[in-house]
Amino acid sequence: HGAGERDRIRIEETLGEHRAALMESDEEVGRL
């Protein structure tokens, strides 16, 4: 359960990074 919780946190962090990247580049919207 602790490992799954860590994965969830890491995934959420990655999702945030992708959202930031999506805002910076409209061109990569589809891919993102």
PDB file of all heavy atoms in Angstrom:
ATOM      1  N   HIS A   1       0.837  -1.204   0.000  1.00  0.00           N
ATOM      2  CA  HIS A   1       0.000   0.000   0.000  1.00  0.00           C
ATOM      3  C   HIS A   1       0.863   1.241   0.000  1.00  0.00           C
ATOM      4  O   HIS A   1       0.586   2.240  -0.695  1.00  0.00           O
ATOM      5  CB  HIS A   1      -0.931  -0.028   1.212  1.00  0.00           C
ATOM      6  CG  HIS A   1      -1.816   1.179   1.303  1.00  0.00           C
ATOM      7  ND1 HIS A   1      -1.452   2.307   2.004  1.00  0.00           N
ATOM      8  CD2 HIS A   1      -3.033   1.456   0.742  1.00  0.00           C
ATOM      9  CE1 HIS A   1      -2.395   3.214   1.903  1.00  0.00           C
ATOM     10  NE2 HIS A   1      -3.381   2.712   1.129  1.00  0.00           N
ATOM     11  N   GLY A   2       1.983   1.205   0.740  1.00  0.00           N
ATOM     12  CA  GLY A   2       2.891   2.352   0.747  1.00  0.00           C
ATOM     13  C   GLY A   2       3.539   2.578  -0.610  1.00  0.00           C
ATOM     14  O   GLY A   2       3.677   3.732  -1.072  1.00  0.00           O
ATOM     15  N   ALA A   3       3.933   1.478  -1.256  1.00  0.00           N
ATOM     16  CA  ALA A   3       4.519   1.618  -2.596  1.00  0.00           C
ATOM     17  C   ALA A   3       3.500   2.186  -3.577  1.00  0.00           C
ATOM     18  O   ALA A   3       3.828   3.048  -4.418  1.00  0.00           O
ATOM     19  CB  ALA A   3       5.010   0.252  -3.074  1.00  0.00           C
ATOM     20  N   GLY A   4       2.257   1.702  -3.535  1.00  0.00           N
ATOM     21  CA  GLY A   4       1.223   2.234  -4.413  1.00  0.00           C
ATOM     22  C   GLY A   4       0.970   3.698  -4.160  1.00  0.00           C
ATOM     23  O   GLY A   4       0.735   4.474  -5.101  1.00  0.00           O
ATOM     24  N   GLU A   5       1.038   4.084  -2.905  1.00  0.00           N
ATOM     25  CA  GLU A   5       0.830   5.496  -2.583  1.00  0.00           C
ATOM     26  C   GLU A   5       1.972   6.347  -3.132  1.00  0.00           C
ATOM     27  O   GLU A   5       1.739   7.453  -3.651  1.00  0.00           O
ATOM     28  CB  GLU A   5       0.725   5.655  -1.061  1.00  0.00           C
ATOM     29  CG  GLU A   5       0.371   7.051  -0.604  1.00  0.00           C
ATOM     30  CD  GLU A   5      -1.034   7.465  -1.006  1.00  0.00           C
ATOM     31  OE1 GLU A   5      -1.875   6.578  -1.291  1.00  0.00           O
ATOM     32  OE2 GLU A   5      -1.304   8.684  -1.054  1.00  0.00           O
ATOM     33  N   ARG A   6       3.175   5.813  -3.074  1.00  0.00           N
ATOM     34  CA  ARG A   6       4.309   6.557  -3.638  1.00  0.00           C
ATOM     35  C   ARG A   6       4.176   6.676  -5.161  1.00  0.00           C
ATOM     36  O   ARG A   6       4.470   7.725  -5.758  1.00  0.00           O
ATOM     37  CB  ARG A   6       5.621   5.868  -3.260  1.00  0.00           C
ATOM     38  CG  ARG A   6       5.970   6.039  -1.777  1.00  0.00           C
ATOM     39  CD  ARG A   6       7.401   5.585  -1.505  1.00  0.00           C
ATOM     40  NE  ARG A   6       7.581   4.155  -1.775  1.00  0.00           N
ATOM     41  CZ  ARG A   6       7.377   3.199  -0.882  1.00  0.00           C
ATOM     42  NH1 ARG A   6       6.973   3.532   0.338  1.00  0.00           N
ATOM     43  NH2 ARG A   6       7.568   1.940  -1.203  1.00  0.00           N
ATOM     44  N   ASP A   7       3.751   5.579  -5.809  1.00  0.00           N
ATOM     45  CA  ASP A   7       3.539   5.631  -7.255  1.00  0.00           C
ATOM     46  C   ASP A   7       2.472   6.660  -7.607  1.00  0.00           C
ATOM     47  O   ASP A   7       2.584   7.379  -8.614  1.00  0.00           O
ATOM     48  CB  ASP A   7       3.141   4.259  -7.787  1.00  0.00           C
ATOM     49  CG  ASP A   7       4.286   3.256  -7.691  1.00  0.00           C
ATOM     50  OD1 ASP A   7       5.437   3.719  -7.554  1.00  0.00           O
ATOM     51  OD2 ASP A   7       4.010   2.040  -7.720  1.00  0.00           O
ATOM     52  N   ARG A   8       1.434   6.689  -6.808  1.00  0.00           N
ATOM     53  CA  ARG A   8       0.370   7.668  -7.072  1.00  0.00           C
ATOM     54  C   ARG A   8       0.902   9.089  -6.982  1.00  0.00           C
ATOM     55  O   ARG A   8       0.604   9.949  -7.825  1.00  0.00           O
ATOM     56  CB  ARG A   8      -0.776   7.465  -6.088  1.00  0.00           C
ATOM     57  CG  ARG A   8      -1.965   8.388  -6.335  1.00  0.00           C
ATOM     58  CD  ARG A   8      -2.982   8.226  -5.223  1.00  0.00           C
ATOM     59  NE  ARG A   8      -2.448   8.651  -3.938  1.00  0.00           N
ATOM     60  CZ  ARG A   8      -2.362   9.927  -3.567  1.00  0.00           C
ATOM     61  NH1 ARG A   8      -2.768  10.900  -4.372  1.00  0.00           N
ATOM     62  NH2 ARG A   8      -1.869  10.245  -2.389  1.00  0.00           N
ATOM     63  N   ILE A   9       1.718   9.343  -5.991  1.00  0.00           N
ATOM     64  CA  ILE A   9       2.279  10.689  -5.823  1.00  0.00           C
ATOM     65  C   ILE A   9       3.187  11.041  -7.009  1.00  0.00           C
ATOM     66  O   ILE A   9       3.160  12.171  -7.554  1.00  0.00           O
ATOM     67  CB  ILE A   9       3.041  10.772  -4.493  1.00  0.00           C
ATOM     68  CG1 ILE A   9       2.049  10.616  -3.310  1.00  0.00           C
ATOM     69  CG2 ILE A   9       3.783  12.097  -4.379  1.00  0.00           C
ATOM     70  CD1 ILE A   9       2.727  10.532  -1.960  1.00  0.00           C
ATOM     71  N   ARG A  10       3.996  10.035  -7.374  1.00  0.00           N
ATOM     72  CA  ARG A  10       4.901  10.286  -8.500  1.00  0.00           C
ATOM     73  C   ARG A  10       4.119  10.548  -9.799  1.00  0.00           C
ATOM     74  O   ARG A  10       4.462  11.427 -10.604  1.00  0.00           O
ATOM     75  CB  ARG A  10       5.835   9.099  -8.677  1.00  0.00           C
ATOM     76  CG  ARG A  10       6.923   9.350  -9.744  1.00  0.00           C
ATOM     77  CD  ARG A  10       7.958   8.219  -9.760  1.00  0.00           C
ATOM     78  NE  ARG A  10       7.334   6.926 -10.083  1.00  0.00           N
ATOM     79  CZ  ARG A  10       7.142   5.986  -9.191  1.00  0.00           C
ATOM     80  NH1 ARG A  10       7.486   6.190  -7.936  1.00  0.00           N
ATOM     81  NH2 ARG A  10       6.597   4.838  -9.546  1.00  0.00           N
ATOM     82  N   ILE A  11       3.049   9.784  -9.992  1.00  0.00           N
ATOM     83  CA  ILE A  11       2.234   9.965 -11.200  1.00  0.00           C
ATOM     84  C   ILE A  11       1.578  11.340 -11.183  1.00  0.00           C
ATOM     85  O   ILE A  11       1.485  12.034 -12.208  1.00  0.00           O
ATOM     86  CB  ILE A  11       1.201   8.849 -11.307  1.00  0.00           C
ATOM     87  CG1 ILE A  11       1.903   7.522 -11.621  1.00  0.00           C
ATOM     88  CG2 ILE A  11       0.181   9.152 -12.394  1.00  0.00           C
ATOM     89  CD1 ILE A  11       0.991   6.329 -11.566  1.00  0.00           C
ATOM     90  N   GLU A  12       1.104  11.753 -10.051  1.00  0.00           N
ATOM     91  CA  GLU A  12       0.492  13.072  -9.960  1.00  0.00           C
ATOM     92  C   GLU A  12       1.510  14.161 -10.263  1.00  0.00           C
ATOM     93  O   GLU A  12       1.193  15.181 -10.906  1.00  0.00           O
ATOM     94  CB  GLU A  12      -0.130  13.256  -8.582  1.00  0.00           C
ATOM     95  CG  GLU A  12      -1.383  12.426  -8.366  1.00  0.00           C
ATOM     96  CD  GLU A  12      -1.981  12.630  -6.973  1.00  0.00           C
ATOM     97  OE1 GLU A  12      -1.296  13.291  -6.150  1.00  0.00           O
ATOM     98  OE2 GLU A  12      -3.114  12.152  -6.720  1.00  0.00           O
ATOM     99  N   GLU A  13       2.746  13.949  -9.775  1.00  0.00           N
ATOM    100  CA  GLU A  13       3.787  14.927 -10.077  1.00  0.00           C
ATOM    101  C   GLU A  13       4.068  14.970 -11.595  1.00  0.00           C
ATOM    102  O   GLU A  13       4.235  16.042 -12.195  1.00  0.00           O
ATOM    103  CB  GLU A  13       5.059  14.572  -9.323  1.00  0.00           C
ATOM    104  CG  GLU A  13       4.932  14.764  -7.819  1.00  0.00           C
ATOM    105  CD  GLU A  13       6.183  14.302  -7.080  1.00  0.00           C
ATOM    106  OE1 GLU A  13       7.069  13.707  -7.759  1.00  0.00           O
ATOM    107  OE2 GLU A  13       6.275  14.520  -5.849  1.00  0.00           O
ATOM    108  N   THR A  14       4.125  13.773 -12.195  1.00  0.00           N
ATOM    109  CA  THR A  14       4.352  13.715 -13.647  1.00  0.00           C
ATOM    110  C   THR A  14       3.218  14.400 -14.396  1.00  0.00           C
ATOM    111  O   THR A  14       3.425  15.135 -15.393  1.00  0.00           O
ATOM    112  CB  THR A  14       4.489  12.259 -14.088  1.00  0.00           C
ATOM    113  OG1 THR A  14       5.543  11.646 -13.365  1.00  0.00           O
ATOM    114  CG2 THR A  14       4.781  12.168 -15.575  1.00  0.00           C
ATOM    115  N   LEU A  15       1.980  14.165 -13.923  1.00  0.00           N
ATOM    116  CA  LEU A  15       0.827  14.800 -14.558  1.00  0.00           C
ATOM    117  C   LEU A  15       0.924  16.317 -14.452  1.00  0.00           C
ATOM    118  O   LEU A  15       0.600  17.046 -15.400  1.00  0.00           O
ATOM    119  CB  LEU A  15      -0.457  14.298 -13.884  1.00  0.00           C
ATOM    120  CG  LEU A  15      -1.776  14.868 -14.419  1.00  0.00           C
ATOM    121  CD1 LEU A  15      -1.922  14.534 -15.920  1.00  0.00           C
ATOM    122  CD2 LEU A  15      -2.969  14.321 -13.625  1.00  0.00           C
ATOM    123  N   GLY A  16       1.419  16.773 -13.363  1.00  0.00           N
ATOM    124  CA  GLY A  16       1.582  18.225 -13.240  1.00  0.00           C
ATOM    125  C   GLY A  16       2.611  18.775 -14.211  1.00  0.00           C
ATOM    126  O   GLY A  16       2.429  19.867 -14.789  1.00  0.00           O
ATOM    127  N   GLU A  17       3.680  18.006 -14.346  1.00  0.00           N
ATOM    128  CA  GLU A  17       4.703  18.448 -15.281  1.00  0.00           C
ATOM    129  C   GLU A  17       4.147  18.503 -16.698  1.00  0.00           C
ATOM    130  O   GLU A  17       4.408  19.433 -17.477  1.00  0.00           O
ATOM    131  CB  GLU A  17       5.901  17.504 -15.214  1.00  0.00           C
ATOM    132  CG  GLU A  17       6.639  17.577 -13.877  1.00  0.00           C
ATOM    133  CD  GLU A  17       7.742  16.540 -13.794  1.00  0.00           C
ATOM    134  OE1 GLU A  17       7.868  15.717 -14.737  1.00  0.00           O
ATOM    135  OE2 GLU A  17       8.463  16.521 -12.756  1.00  0.00           O
ATOM    136  N   HIS A  18       3.392  17.459 -17.077  1.00  0.00           N
ATOM    137  CA  HIS A  18       2.805  17.437 -18.417  1.00  0.00           C
ATOM    138  C   HIS A  18       1.804  18.566 -18.603  1.00  0.00           C
ATOM    139  O   HIS A  18       1.724  19.168 -19.707  1.00  0.00           O
ATOM    140  CB  HIS A  18       2.144  16.093 -18.684  1.00  0.00           C
ATOM    141  CG  HIS A  18       3.125  14.999 -18.979  1.00  0.00           C
ATOM    142  ND1 HIS A  18       3.726  14.840 -20.230  1.00  0.00           N
ATOM    143  CD2 HIS A  18       3.657  14.004 -18.207  1.00  0.00           C
ATOM    144  CE1 HIS A  18       4.561  13.810 -20.212  1.00  0.00           C
ATOM    145  NE2 HIS A  18       4.520  13.291 -18.970  1.00  0.00           N
ATOM    146  N   ARG A  19       1.051  18.850 -17.588  1.00  0.00           N
ATOM    147  CA  ARG A  19       0.100  19.964 -17.717  1.00  0.00           C
ATOM    148  C   ARG A  19       0.859  21.288 -17.911  1.00  0.00           C
ATOM    149  O   ARG A  19       0.443  22.164 -18.710  1.00  0.00           O
ATOM    150  CB  ARG A  19      -0.782  20.032 -16.477  1.00  0.00           C
ATOM    151  CG  ARG A  19      -1.845  18.944 -16.446  1.00  0.00           C
ATOM    152  CD  ARG A  19      -2.652  19.045 -15.165  1.00  0.00           C
ATOM    153  NE  ARG A  19      -3.707  18.024 -15.146  1.00  0.00           N
ATOM    154  CZ  ARG A  19      -4.511  17.815 -14.106  1.00  0.00           C
ATOM    155  NH1 ARG A  19      -4.377  18.559 -12.993  1.00  0.00           N
ATOM    156  NH2 ARG A  19      -5.450  16.890 -14.165  1.00  0.00           N
ATOM    157  N   ALA A  20       1.961  21.442 -17.199  1.00  0.00           N
ATOM    158  CA  ALA A  20       2.761  22.658 -17.368  1.00  0.00           C
ATOM    159  C   ALA A  20       3.339  22.747 -18.788  1.00  0.00           C
ATOM    160  O   ALA A  20       3.359  23.820 -19.425  1.00  0.00           O
ATOM    161  CB  ALA A  20       3.873  22.691 -16.334  1.00  0.00           C
ATOM    162  N   ALA A  21       3.801  21.530 -19.236  1.00  0.00           N
ATOM    163  CA  ALA A  21       4.342  21.509 -20.597  1.00  0.00           C
ATOM    164  C   ALA A  21       3.242  21.799 -21.618  1.00  0.00           C
ATOM    165  O   ALA A  21       3.487  22.437 -22.667  1.00  0.00           O
ATOM    166  CB  ALA A  21       4.992  20.160 -20.871  1.00  0.00           C
ATOM    167  N   LEU A  22       2.009  21.327 -21.356  1.00  0.00           N
ATOM    168  CA  LEU A  22       0.888  21.573 -22.257  1.00  0.00           C
ATOM    169  C   LEU A  22       0.568  23.046 -22.347  1.00  0.00           C
ATOM    170  O   LEU A  22       0.241  23.581 -23.421  1.00  0.00           O
ATOM    171  CB  LEU A  22      -0.327  20.773 -21.769  1.00  0.00           C
ATOM    172  CG  LEU A  22      -1.599  20.905 -22.613  1.00  0.00           C
ATOM    173  CD1 LEU A  22      -1.349  20.390 -24.037  1.00  0.00           C
ATOM    174  CD2 LEU A  22      -2.753  20.139 -21.968  1.00  0.00           C
ATOM    175  N   MET A  23       0.671  23.745 -21.237  1.00  0.00           N
ATOM    176  CA  MET A  23       0.403  25.169 -21.231  1.00  0.00           C
ATOM    177  C   MET A  23       1.507  25.934 -21.966  1.00  0.00           C
ATOM    178  O   MET A  23       1.251  26.987 -22.568  1.00  0.00           O
ATOM    179  CB  MET A  23       0.284  25.668 -19.781  1.00  0.00           C
ATOM    180  CG  MET A  23      -0.950  25.113 -19.047  1.00  0.00           C
ATOM    181  SD  MET A  23      -0.999  25.627 -17.320  1.00  0.00           S
ATOM    182  CE  MET A  23      -1.147  27.384 -17.559  1.00  0.00           C
ATOM    183  N   GLU A  24       2.709  25.444 -21.912  1.00  0.00           N
ATOM    184  CA  GLU A  24       3.827  26.135 -22.565  1.00  0.00           C
ATOM    185  C   GLU A  24       3.830  25.933 -24.094  1.00  0.00           C
ATOM    186  O   GLU A  24       4.329  26.753 -24.850  1.00  0.00           O
ATOM    187  CB  GLU A  24       5.150  25.631 -21.983  1.00  0.00           C
ATOM    188  CG  GLU A  24       5.346  26.008 -20.522  1.00  0.00           C
ATOM    189  CD  GLU A  24       6.634  25.414 -19.935  1.00  0.00           C
ATOM    190  OE1 GLU A  24       7.297  24.645 -20.687  1.00  0.00           O
ATOM    191  OE2 GLU A  24       6.941  25.689 -18.762  1.00  0.00           O
ATOM    192  N   SER A  25       3.282  24.806 -24.501  1.00  0.00           N
ATOM    193  CA  SER A  25       3.360  24.546 -25.954  1.00  0.00           C
ATOM    194  C   SER A  25       2.038  24.011 -26.456  1.00  0.00           C
ATOM    195  O   SER A  25       1.618  22.922 -26.083  1.00  0.00           O
ATOM    196  CB  SER A  25       4.471  23.546 -26.260  1.00  0.00           C
ATOM    197  OG  SER A  25       4.523  23.306 -27.659  1.00  0.00           O
ATOM    198  N   ASP A  26       1.391  24.871 -27.277  1.00  0.00           N
ATOM    199  CA  ASP A  26       0.121  24.441 -27.855  1.00  0.00           C
ATOM    200  C   ASP A  26       0.339  23.413 -28.965  1.00  0.00           C
ATOM    201  O   ASP A  26      -0.596  22.655 -29.293  1.00  0.00           O
ATOM    202  CB  ASP A  26      -0.609  25.654 -28.444  1.00  0.00           C
ATOM    203  CG  ASP A  26      -1.050  26.617 -27.371  1.00  0.00           C
ATOM    204  OD1 ASP A  26      -1.226  26.150 -26.190  1.00  0.00           O
ATOM    205  OD2 ASP A  26      -1.274  27.769 -27.666  1.00  0.00           O
ATOM    206  N   GLU A  27       1.555  23.415 -29.469  1.00  0.00           N
ATOM    207  CA  GLU A  27       1.806  22.530 -30.572  1.00  0.00           C
ATOM    208  C   GLU A  27       1.823  21.067 -30.130  1.00  0.00           C
ATOM    209  O   GLU A  27       1.547  20.173 -30.922  1.00  0.00           O
ATOM    210  CB  GLU A  27       3.158  22.882 -31.222  1.00  0.00           C
ATOM    211  CG  GLU A  27       3.172  24.281 -31.843  1.00  0.00           C
ATOM    212  CD  GLU A  27       4.536  24.656 -32.400  1.00  0.00           C
ATOM    213  OE1 GLU A  27       5.470  23.792 -32.197  1.00  0.00           O
ATOM    214  OE2 GLU A  27       4.657  25.720 -32.989  1.00  0.00           O
ATOM    215  N   GLU A  28       2.226  20.898 -28.921  1.00  0.00           N
ATOM    216  CA  GLU A  28       2.343  19.520 -28.433  1.00  0.00           C
ATOM    217  C   GLU A  28       1.091  19.070 -27.678  1.00  0.00           C
ATOM    218  O   GLU A  28       1.095  18.097 -26.940  1.00  0.00           O
ATOM    219  CB  GLU A  28       3.545  19.375 -27.507  1.00  0.00           C
ATOM    220  CG  GLU A  28       4.851  19.653 -28.207  1.00  0.00           C
ATOM    221  CD  GLU A  28       6.034  19.510 -27.294  1.00  0.00           C
ATOM    222  OE1 GLU A  28       5.803  19.289 -26.066  1.00  0.00           O
ATOM    223  OE2 GLU A  28       7.160  19.591 -27.759  1.00  0.00           O
ATOM    224  N   VAL A  29      -0.007  19.839 -27.919  1.00  0.00           N
ATOM    225  CA  VAL A  29      -1.251  19.545 -27.188  1.00  0.00           C
ATOM    226  C   VAL A  29      -1.744  18.145 -27.497  1.00  0.00           C
ATOM    227  O   VAL A  29      -2.124  17.366 -26.590  1.00  0.00           O
ATOM    228  CB  VAL A  29      -2.327  20.600 -27.540  1.00  0.00           C
ATOM    229  CG1 VAL A  29      -3.688  20.161 -26.998  1.00  0.00           C
ATOM    230  CG2 VAL A  29      -1.951  21.927 -26.968  1.00  0.00           C
ATOM    231  N   GLY A  30      -1.809  17.839 -28.753  1.00  0.00           N
ATOM    232  CA  GLY A  30      -2.336  16.530 -29.115  1.00  0.00           C
ATOM    233  C   GLY A  30      -1.522  15.382 -28.513  1.00  0.00           C
ATOM    234  O   GLY A  30      -2.066  14.432 -27.945  1.00  0.00           O
ATOM    235  N   ARG A  31      -0.165  15.593 -28.685  1.00  0.00           N
ATOM    236  CA  ARG A  31       0.690  14.543 -28.153  1.00  0.00           C
ATOM    237  C   ARG A  31       0.584  14.454 -26.626  1.00  0.00           C
ATOM    238  O   ARG A  31       0.501  13.360 -26.056  1.00  0.00           O
ATOM    239  CB  ARG A  31       2.127  14.805 -28.582  1.00  0.00           C
ATOM    240  CG  ARG A  31       3.127  13.719 -28.120  1.00  0.00           C
ATOM    241  CD  ARG A  31       4.509  14.041 -28.649  1.00  0.00           C
ATOM    242  NE  ARG A  31       4.938  15.358 -28.197  1.00  0.00           N
ATOM    243  CZ  ARG A  31       5.490  15.570 -27.007  1.00  0.00           C
ATOM    244  NH1 ARG A  31       5.686  14.560 -26.184  1.00  0.00           N
ATOM    245  NH2 ARG A  31       5.870  16.795 -26.686  1.00  0.00           N
ATOM    246  N   LEU A  32       0.567  15.639 -26.058  1.00  0.00           N
ATOM    247  CA  LEU A  32       0.495  15.635 -24.592  1.00  0.00           C
ATOM    248  C   LEU A  32      -0.852  15.097 -24.083  1.00  0.00           C
ATOM    249  O   LEU A  32      -0.926  14.435 -23.046  1.00  0.00           O
ATOM    250  CB  LEU A  32       0.712  17.051 -24.066  1.00  0.00           C
ATOM    251  CG  LEU A  32       2.142  17.614 -24.272  1.00  0.00           C
ATOM    252  CD1 LEU A  32       2.216  19.047 -23.798  1.00  0.00           C
ATOM    253  CD2 LEU A  32       3.150  16.738 -23.536  1.00  0.00           C
TER     254      LEU A  32
END
